[in-house]
Amino acid sequence: MPGPIPRPDIHAVDVRRPVILVADDEAMVRDLLTILMQGEGYFVLSARDGHEGLELSRKYPGAIDLVITDVHMPRMNGTDLCGHLLEERPGIQVLLVSGADTREIAGQNINLPLLRKPFDPETLTATVQALLAARVQPAKHEPSGPRDDPPER
């Protein structure tokens, strides 16, 4: 049986590939998400709950492109984590995962992408790829000076 998943150095910024923060209080789910995302070539930061996820985010000096988080966790739940991350890291994409009844989640008035457990690796990968493709890129800076366009007639 393989040993524990090595934790990446949070001070080593990898600008060549997207960075995903995984937060789940269930070790088996967290490890599976981490392994699947690393297998797809992503740099993965892994946290045991929302509180640890927020700490990792604040310590990580580079961009974090996506957070995948369980909805229900001790200390800080996934929706609170997403709220903090969306405020502190504009443009971050979020994906909630939950094994809870869909009606229970709907009652919480959550308007974020949700993937219901259990899910298959293909669905997770496709969802992550779609969210990363939908990232808002910073607007290109255009000079505000005079343009060389000919005057309109």
C-alpha atoms as a PDB file:
ATOM      1  CA  MET A   1       0.000   0.000   0.000  1.00  0.00           C
ATOM      2  CA  PRO A   2       1.437   3.404  -0.938  1.00  0.00           C
ATOM      3  CA  GLY A   3       2.540   5.770   1.808  1.00  0.00           C
ATOM      4  CA  PRO A   4       1.141   9.206   2.495  1.00  0.00           C
ATOM      5  CA  ILE A   5       0.964  11.698  -0.341  1.00  0.00           C
ATOM      6  CA  PRO A   6       3.901  14.111  -0.106  1.00  0.00           C
ATOM      7  CA  ARG A   7       2.877  17.703   0.547  1.00  0.00           C
ATOM      8  CA  PRO A   8       4.308  20.159  -1.973  1.00  0.00           C
ATOM      9  CA  ASP A   9       6.472  23.051  -0.869  1.00  0.00           C
ATOM     10  CA  ILE A  10       3.986  25.935  -0.723  1.00  0.00           C
ATOM     11  CA  HIS A  11       6.809  28.391  -1.334  1.00  0.00           C
ATOM     12  CA  ALA A  12       7.686  26.775  -4.670  1.00  0.00           C
ATOM     13  CA  VAL A  13       5.550  28.646  -7.186  1.00  0.00           C
ATOM     14  CA  ASP A  14       4.887  26.688 -10.360  1.00  0.00           C
ATOM     15  CA  VAL A  15       3.864  29.130 -13.068  1.00  0.00           C
ATOM     16  CA  ARG A  16       3.784  26.487 -15.806  1.00  0.00           C
ATOM     17  CA  ARG A  17       0.646  24.657 -14.702  1.00  0.00           C
ATOM     18  CA  PRO A  18      -2.626  25.492 -12.948  1.00  0.00           C
ATOM     19  CA  VAL A  19      -2.682  25.329  -9.156  1.00  0.00           C
ATOM     20  CA  ILE A  20      -5.587  23.628  -7.377  1.00  0.00           C
ATOM     21  CA  LEU A  21      -6.343  23.841  -3.670  1.00  0.00           C
ATOM     22  CA  VAL A  22      -8.152  20.727  -2.388  1.00  0.00           C
ATOM     23  CA  ALA A  23      -9.899  20.923   1.004  1.00  0.00           C
ATOM     24  CA  ASP A  24     -11.715  17.902   2.429  1.00  0.00           C
ATOM     25  CA  ASP A  25     -11.864  16.560   5.974  1.00  0.00           C
ATOM     26  CA  GLU A  26     -12.088  12.950   4.781  1.00  0.00           C
ATOM     27  CA  ALA A  27      -8.498  11.811   4.205  1.00  0.00           C
ATOM     28  CA  MET A  28      -9.444   9.180   1.644  1.00  0.00           C
ATOM     29  CA  VAL A  29     -11.452  11.670  -0.462  1.00  0.00           C
ATOM     30  CA  ARG A  30      -8.786  14.369  -0.103  1.00  0.00           C
ATOM     31  CA  ASP A  31      -6.037  11.936  -1.145  1.00  0.00           C
ATOM     32  CA  LEU A  32      -8.085  10.667  -4.092  1.00  0.00           C
ATOM     33  CA  LEU A  33      -8.776  14.219  -5.312  1.00  0.00           C
ATOM     34  CA  THR A  34      -5.101  15.079  -4.923  1.00  0.00           C
ATOM     35  CA  ILE A  35      -3.923  11.992  -6.813  1.00  0.00           C
ATOM     36  CA  LEU A  36      -6.452  12.521  -9.621  1.00  0.00           C
ATOM     37  CA  MET A  37      -5.544  16.180 -10.069  1.00  0.00           C
ATOM     38  CA  GLN A  38      -1.792  15.526  -9.901  1.00  0.00           C
ATOM     39  CA  GLY A  39      -2.316  12.784 -12.494  1.00  0.00           C
ATOM     40  CA  GLU A  40      -3.863  15.403 -14.781  1.00  0.00           C
ATOM     41  CA  GLY A  41      -0.743  17.546 -14.386  1.00  0.00           C
ATOM     42  CA  TYR A  42      -2.009  20.106 -11.879  1.00  0.00           C
ATOM     43  CA  PHE A  43       0.002  21.427  -8.922  1.00  0.00           C
ATOM     44  CA  VAL A  44      -2.103  20.545  -5.866  1.00  0.00           C
ATOM     45  CA  LEU A  45      -2.198  22.101  -2.414  1.00  0.00           C
ATOM     46  CA  SER A  46      -4.056  19.850   0.023  1.00  0.00           C
ATOM     47  CA  ALA A  47      -5.863  20.877   3.230  1.00  0.00           C
ATOM     48  CA  ARG A  48      -7.718  18.927   5.933  1.00  0.00           C
ATOM     49  CA  ASP A  49     -10.493  21.512   6.293  1.00  0.00           C
ATOM     50  CA  GLY A  50     -11.522  25.021   5.308  1.00  0.00           C
ATOM     51  CA  HIS A  51      -9.449  26.676   8.017  1.00  0.00           C
ATOM     52  CA  GLU A  52      -6.261  24.931   6.862  1.00  0.00           C
ATOM     53  CA  GLY A  53      -7.190  25.664   3.245  1.00  0.00           C
ATOM     54  CA  LEU A  54      -7.465  29.369   3.983  1.00  0.00           C
ATOM     55  CA  GLU A  55      -4.102  29.302   5.787  1.00  0.00           C
ATOM     56  CA  LEU A  56      -2.468  27.533   2.817  1.00  0.00           C
ATOM     57  CA  SER A  57      -3.958  30.075   0.438  1.00  0.00           C
ATOM     58  CA  ARG A  58      -2.628  32.967   2.485  1.00  0.00           C
ATOM     59  CA  LYS A  59       0.867  31.437   2.648  1.00  0.00           C
ATOM     60  CA  TYR A  60       1.062  30.395  -1.008  1.00  0.00           C
ATOM     61  CA  PRO A  61       2.734  33.246  -2.921  1.00  0.00           C
ATOM     62  CA  GLY A  62       1.487  32.339  -6.403  1.00  0.00           C
ATOM     63  CA  ALA A  63      -1.889  32.260  -8.085  1.00  0.00           C
ATOM     64  CA  ILE A  64      -4.398  29.584  -7.125  1.00  0.00           C
ATOM     65  CA  ASP A  65      -6.626  28.831 -10.092  1.00  0.00           C
ATOM     66  CA  LEU A  66      -9.245  26.566  -8.523  1.00  0.00           C
ATOM     67  CA  VAL A  67     -10.408  25.328  -5.137  1.00  0.00           C
ATOM     68  CA  ILE A  68     -12.147  21.974  -4.816  1.00  0.00           C
ATOM     69  CA  THR A  69     -13.752  21.756  -1.395  1.00  0.00           C
ATOM     70  CA  ASP A  70     -16.190  19.637   0.539  1.00  0.00           C
ATOM     71  CA  VAL A  71     -19.264  21.546   1.698  1.00  0.00           C
ATOM     72  CA  HIS A  72     -19.436  20.145   5.246  1.00  0.00           C
ATOM     73  CA  MET A  73     -16.190  20.259   7.255  1.00  0.00           C
ATOM     74  CA  PRO A  74     -15.235  21.049  10.843  1.00  0.00           C
ATOM     75  CA  ARG A  75     -13.769  24.436  11.852  1.00  0.00           C
ATOM     76  CA  MET A  76     -14.693  26.106   8.542  1.00  0.00           C
ATOM     77  CA  ASN A  77     -17.082  24.721   5.957  1.00  0.00           C
ATOM     78  CA  GLY A  78     -16.506  24.812   2.225  1.00  0.00           C
ATOM     79  CA  THR A  79     -18.917  27.642   1.472  1.00  0.00           C
ATOM     80  CA  ASP A  80     -17.205  29.903   4.030  1.00  0.00           C
ATOM     81  CA  LEU A  81     -13.808  28.942   2.597  1.00  0.00           C
ATOM     82  CA  CYS A  82     -15.015  29.841  -0.900  1.00  0.00           C
ATOM     83  CA  GLY A  83     -16.366  33.161   0.360  1.00  0.00           C
ATOM     84  CA  HIS A  84     -12.975  34.100   1.809  1.00  0.00           C
ATOM     85  CA  LEU A  85     -11.066  32.912  -1.258  1.00  0.00           C
ATOM     86  CA  LEU A  86     -13.341  34.734  -3.697  1.00  0.00           C
ATOM     87  CA  GLU A  87     -12.781  37.911  -1.698  1.00  0.00           C
ATOM     88  CA  GLU A  88      -9.010  37.495  -1.260  1.00  0.00           C
ATOM     89  CA  ARG A  89      -8.223  35.971  -4.660  1.00  0.00           C
ATOM     90  CA  PRO A  90     -10.498  37.516  -7.292  1.00  0.00           C
ATOM     91  CA  GLY A  91     -10.820  35.284 -10.330  1.00  0.00           C
ATOM     92  CA  ILE A  92     -10.333  32.007  -8.453  1.00  0.00           C
ATOM     93  CA  GLN A  93     -12.706  29.287  -9.609  1.00  0.00           C
ATOM     94  CA  VAL A  94     -14.506  27.131  -7.055  1.00  0.00           C
ATOM     95  CA  LEU A  95     -15.995  23.657  -7.094  1.00  0.00           C
ATOM     96  CA  LEU A  96     -17.964  22.344  -4.139  1.00  0.00           C
ATOM     97  CA  VAL A  97     -18.239  18.595  -3.626  1.00  0.00           C
ATOM     98  CA  SER A  98     -20.733  17.010  -1.272  1.00  0.00           C
ATOM     99  CA  GLY A  99     -22.316  13.719  -0.403  1.00  0.00           C
ATOM    100  CA  ALA A 100     -25.209  15.511   1.280  1.00  0.00           C
ATOM    101  CA  ASP A 101     -28.721  15.344  -0.080  1.00  0.00           C
ATOM    102  CA  THR A 102     -29.169  17.859  -2.911  1.00  0.00           C
ATOM    103  CA  ARG A 103     -32.268  19.283  -1.165  1.00  0.00           C
ATOM    104  CA  GLU A 104     -30.219  19.974   1.958  1.00  0.00           C
ATOM    105  CA  ILE A 105     -27.649  21.892  -0.083  1.00  0.00           C
ATOM    106  CA  ALA A 106     -30.346  23.723  -2.038  1.00  0.00           C
ATOM    107  CA  GLY A 107     -31.796  24.904   1.269  1.00  0.00           C
ATOM    108  CA  GLN A 108     -28.511  26.665   2.017  1.00  0.00           C
ATOM    109  CA  ASN A 109     -28.953  28.951  -1.002  1.00  0.00           C
ATOM    110  CA  ILE A 110     -25.525  28.049  -2.426  1.00  0.00           C
ATOM    111  CA  ASN A 111     -24.969  29.450  -5.895  1.00  0.00           C
ATOM    112  CA  LEU A 112     -21.627  27.806  -6.684  1.00  0.00           C
ATOM    113  CA  PRO A 113     -20.722  24.856  -8.925  1.00  0.00           C
ATOM    114  CA  LEU A 114     -21.455  21.603  -7.099  1.00  0.00           C
ATOM    115  CA  LEU A 115     -20.365  18.050  -7.821  1.00  0.00           C
ATOM    116  CA  ARG A 116     -22.293  15.433  -5.866  1.00  0.00           C
ATOM    117  CA  LYS A 117     -20.367  12.525  -4.279  1.00  0.00           C
ATOM    118  CA  PRO A 118     -19.830   9.896  -5.399  1.00  0.00           C
ATOM    119  CA  PHE A 119     -18.546  11.025  -8.774  1.00  0.00           C
ATOM    120  CA  ASP A 120     -16.337   9.306 -11.311  1.00  0.00           C
ATOM    121  CA  PRO A 121     -12.865  10.584 -12.247  1.00  0.00           C
ATOM    122  CA  GLU A 122     -13.970  11.501 -15.774  1.00  0.00           C
ATOM    123  CA  THR A 123     -16.752  13.763 -14.488  1.00  0.00           C
ATOM    124  CA  LEU A 124     -14.381  15.445 -12.033  1.00  0.00           C
ATOM    125  CA  THR A 125     -11.729  15.974 -14.709  1.00  0.00           C
ATOM    126  CA  ALA A 126     -14.221  17.358 -17.228  1.00  0.00           C
ATOM    127  CA  THR A 127     -15.701  19.714 -14.616  1.00  0.00           C
ATOM    128  CA  VAL A 128     -12.267  20.966 -13.556  1.00  0.00           C
ATOM    129  CA  GLN A 129     -11.222  21.518 -17.177  1.00  0.00           C
ATOM    130  CA  ALA A 130     -14.424  23.471 -17.885  1.00  0.00           C
ATOM    131  CA  LEU A 131     -13.975  25.660 -14.798  1.00  0.00           C
ATOM    132  CA  LEU A 132     -10.345  26.383 -15.611  1.00  0.00           C
ATOM    133  CA  ALA A 133     -11.246  27.212 -19.224  1.00  0.00           C
ATOM    134  CA  ALA A 134     -13.859  29.677 -17.956  1.00  0.00           C
ATOM    135  CA  ARG A 135     -11.405  31.660 -15.823  1.00  0.00           C
ATOM    136  CA  VAL A 136     -11.577  35.369 -16.333  1.00  0.00           C
ATOM    137  CA  GLN A 137      -8.271  36.543 -17.699  1.00  0.00           C
ATOM    138  CA  PRO A 138      -7.032  39.982 -16.683  1.00  0.00           C
ATOM    139  CA  ALA A 139      -7.912  42.632 -19.237  1.00  0.00           C
ATOM    140  CA  LYS A 140      -5.083  43.684 -21.493  1.00  0.00           C
ATOM    141  CA  HIS A 141      -3.857  47.179 -20.867  1.00  0.00           C
ATOM    142  CA  GLU A 142      -4.519  49.490 -23.771  1.00  0.00           C
ATOM    143  CA  PRO A 143      -2.819  52.856 -23.962  1.00  0.00           C
ATOM    144  CA  SER A 144      -5.146  55.787 -23.438  1.00  0.00           C
ATOM    145  CA  GLY A 145      -3.241  58.174 -25.719  1.00  0.00           C
ATOM    146  CA  PRO A 146      -4.184  59.197 -29.270  1.00  0.00           C
ATOM    147  CA  ARG A 147      -4.645  56.422 -31.807  1.00  0.00           C
ATOM    148  CA  ASP A 148      -3.286  56.285 -35.322  1.00  0.00           C
ATOM    149  CA  ASP A 149      -6.669  55.454 -36.840  1.00  0.00           C
ATOM    150  CA  PRO A 150      -7.728  57.779 -39.650  1.00  0.00           C
ATOM    151  CA  PRO A 151     -10.541  60.168 -38.708  1.00  0.00           C
ATOM    152  CA  GLU A 152     -14.061  59.013 -39.537  1.00  0.00           C
ATOM    153  CA  ARG A 153     -15.887  60.879 -42.270  1.00  0.00           C
END
